[in-house]
Each structure stands twice: as C-alpha cells, then as structure tokens.
C-alpha atoms as a PDB file:
ATOM      1  CA  UNK A   1       0.000   0.000   0.000  1.00  0.00           C
ATOM      2  CA  UNK A   2       2.240   2.798  -1.285  1.00  0.00           C
ATOM      3  CA  UNK A   3      -0.521   5.381  -1.821  1.00  0.00           C
ATOM      4  CA  UNK A   4      -0.264   8.695  -0.011  1.00  0.00           C
ATOM      5  CA  UNK A   5      -2.807   9.141   2.724  1.00  0.00           C
ATOM      6  CA  UNK A   6      -4.459  12.468   3.515  1.00  0.00           C
ATOM      7  CA  UNK A   7      -5.598  12.912   7.115  1.00  0.00           C
ATOM      8  CA  UNK A   8      -8.056  15.398   8.619  1.00  0.00           C
ATOM      9  CA  UNK A   9      -8.951  15.419  12.313  1.00  0.00           C
ATOM     10  CA  UNK A  10     -11.864  16.825  14.240  1.00  0.00           C
ATOM     11  CA  UNK A  11     -12.235  16.857  18.020  1.00  0.00           C
ATOM     12  CA  UNK A  12     -15.691  15.704  19.060  1.00  0.00           C
ATOM     13  CA  UNK A  13     -17.722  16.850  22.090  1.00  0.00           C
ATOM     14  CA  UNK A  14     -17.037  13.421  23.653  1.00  0.00           C
ATOM     15  CA  UNK A  15     -13.324  14.295  23.757  1.00  0.00           C
ATOM     16  CA  UNK A  16     -12.397  11.682  21.156  1.00  0.00           C
ATOM     17  CA  UNK A  17     -10.993  12.561  17.752  1.00  0.00           C
ATOM     18  CA  UNK A  18     -12.606  11.694  14.443  1.00  0.00           C
ATOM     19  CA  UNK A  19      -9.948  11.033  11.817  1.00  0.00           C
ATOM     20  CA  UNK A  20     -10.984  11.209   8.160  1.00  0.00           C
ATOM     21  CA  UNK A  21      -8.557   9.547   5.765  1.00  0.00           C
ATOM     22  CA  UNK A  22      -8.461   9.523   1.976  1.00  0.00           C
ATOM     23  CA  UNK A  23      -6.193   7.653  -0.428  1.00  0.00           C
ATOM     24  CA  UNK A  24      -6.100   7.649  -4.210  1.00  0.00           C
ATOM     25  CA  UNK A  25      -5.186   4.488  -6.067  1.00  0.00           C
ATOM     26  CA  UNK A  26      -6.919   2.027  -8.361  1.00  0.00           C
ATOM     27  CA  UNK A  27      -9.962   2.720  -6.233  1.00  0.00           C
ATOM     28  CA  UNK A  28     -10.428   5.887  -4.215  1.00  0.00           C
ATOM     29  CA  UNK A  29     -10.438   4.816  -0.587  1.00  0.00           C
ATOM     30  CA  UNK A  30     -11.749   6.949   2.243  1.00  0.00           C
ATOM     31  CA  UNK A  31     -13.133   6.501   5.688  1.00  0.00           C
ATOM     32  CA  UNK A  32     -13.235   7.493   9.304  1.00  0.00           C
ATOM     33  CA  UNK A  33     -11.784   6.153  12.518  1.00  0.00           C
ATOM     34  CA  UNK A  34     -12.564   7.260  16.057  1.00  0.00           C
ATOM     35  CA  UNK A  35      -9.492   7.495  18.325  1.00  0.00           C
ATOM     36  CA  UNK A  36      -8.423   8.754  21.726  1.00  0.00           C
ATOM     37  CA  UNK A  37      -6.942  12.276  21.544  1.00  0.00           C
ATOM     38  CA  UNK A  38      -3.561  11.277  23.005  1.00  0.00           C
ATOM     39  CA  UNK A  39      -2.690   8.770  20.233  1.00  0.00           C
ATOM     40  CA  UNK A  40       0.366   9.429  18.077  1.00  0.00           C
ATOM     41  CA  UNK A  41      -0.469  10.234  14.465  1.00  0.00           C
ATOM     42  CA  UNK A  42       1.976   7.569  13.240  1.00  0.00           C
ATOM     43  CA  UNK A  43       0.139   4.933  15.339  1.00  0.00           C
ATOM     44  CA  UNK A  44      -3.220   6.022  13.936  1.00  0.00           C
ATOM     45  CA  UNK A  45      -1.896   5.829  10.345  1.00  0.00           C
ATOM     46  CA  UNK A  46      -0.435   2.357  11.001  1.00  0.00           C
ATOM     47  CA  UNK A  47      -3.769   1.207  12.442  1.00  0.00           C
ATOM     48  CA  UNK A  48      -5.678   2.551   9.421  1.00  0.00           C
ATOM     49  CA  UNK A  49      -3.339   0.746   7.007  1.00  0.00           C
ATOM     50  CA  UNK A  50      -3.628  -2.522   8.970  1.00  0.00           C
ATOM     51  CA  UNK A  51      -7.428  -2.301   9.091  1.00  0.00           C
ATOM     52  CA  UNK A  52      -7.673  -1.565   5.353  1.00  0.00           C
ATOM     53  CA  UNK A  53      -5.430  -4.538   4.574  1.00  0.00           C
ATOM     54  CA  UNK A  54      -7.415  -6.820   6.898  1.00  0.00           C
ATOM     55  CA  UNK A  55     -10.776  -5.793   5.423  1.00  0.00           C
ATOM     56  CA  UNK A  56      -9.486  -6.248   1.865  1.00  0.00           C
ATOM     57  CA  UNK A  57      -8.085  -9.683   2.757  1.00  0.00           C
ATOM     58  CA  UNK A  58     -11.428 -10.703   4.266  1.00  0.00           C
ATOM     59  CA  UNK A  59     -13.343  -9.449   1.223  1.00  0.00           C
ATOM     60  CA  UNK A  60     -11.126 -11.367  -1.221  1.00  0.00           C
ATOM     61  CA  UNK A  61     -11.497 -14.574   0.756  1.00  0.00           C
ATOM     62  CA  UNK A  62     -15.285 -14.203   0.884  1.00  0.00           C
ATOM     63  CA  UNK A  63     -15.561 -13.314  -2.804  1.00  0.00           C
ATOM     64  CA  UNK A  64     -13.482 -16.368  -3.656  1.00  0.00           C
ATOM     65  CA  UNK A  65     -15.660 -18.612  -1.500  1.00  0.00           C
ATOM     66  CA  UNK A  66     -18.891 -16.835  -2.528  1.00  0.00           C
ATOM     67  CA  UNK A  67     -19.717 -16.112   1.101  1.00  0.00           C
ATOM     68  CA  UNK A  68     -21.073 -12.962   2.659  1.00  0.00           C
ATOM     69  CA  UNK A  69     -19.109 -10.639   4.888  1.00  0.00           C
ATOM     70  CA  UNK A  70     -18.765 -12.259   8.303  1.00  0.00           C
ATOM     71  CA  UNK A  71     -16.613 -10.004  10.471  1.00  0.00           C
ATOM     72  CA  UNK A  72     -18.235  -8.173  13.340  1.00  0.00           C
ATOM     73  CA  UNK A  73     -19.059  -4.542  12.573  1.00  0.00           C
ATOM     74  CA  UNK A  74     -16.652  -2.072  14.104  1.00  0.00           C
ATOM     75  CA  UNK A  75     -18.466   1.204  14.707  1.00  0.00           C
ATOM     76  CA  UNK A  76     -15.178   3.026  15.330  1.00  0.00           C
ATOM     77  CA  UNK A  77     -13.905   2.351  11.797  1.00  0.00           C
ATOM     78  CA  UNK A  78     -15.704   3.012   8.510  1.00  0.00           C
ATOM     79  CA  UNK A  79     -14.161   2.244   5.125  1.00  0.00           C
ATOM     80  CA  UNK A  80     -15.474   3.132   1.659  1.00  0.00           C
ATOM     81  CA  UNK A  81     -14.070   2.431  -1.803  1.00  0.00           C
ATOM     82  CA  UNK A  82     -15.311   4.130  -4.958  1.00  0.00           C
END
C-alpha cells in the first residue's frame, strides 16, 4: 500500500478525535476512525493501514468462497471504496 494518505482530524464533544482519511489508487479509498486524543499520528496511520489490509483480505477470501461478509461490525472504523 504505497498510496499517499491524507488525514483530517476533528475533536468531538465526547473528547475523542474523528480522523478522516483519503487515499487515491486504483480505487479511491476513504473513511473514518474514532481514536483517543492522546494517540500518536503515526500509530493512527499504522492502524488505518492494517485495518484496510485486513478488510481487503477478508473481502477477497469471501468473494473467492462466494460467502457474505462475516466479520463483526466495528463502529469506530468506517471504510469506503469508490
């Protein structure tokens, strides 16, 4: 995953930070992750990359096996591809 990632943050009334990320590649990827305000930016970026890779791996396995998505929803991480 060599694409550049653009990050925007917004502090929420709850005290947590909403991080919006966008990446251009074969498919435009964007999403949101909810994090604690004291997290290092490099840790947040690493987590986003790991989560994207994990979701893509799960999707390819399920497409290959013709199964539906079976991981538990994570309401702190949203990922979209266009």
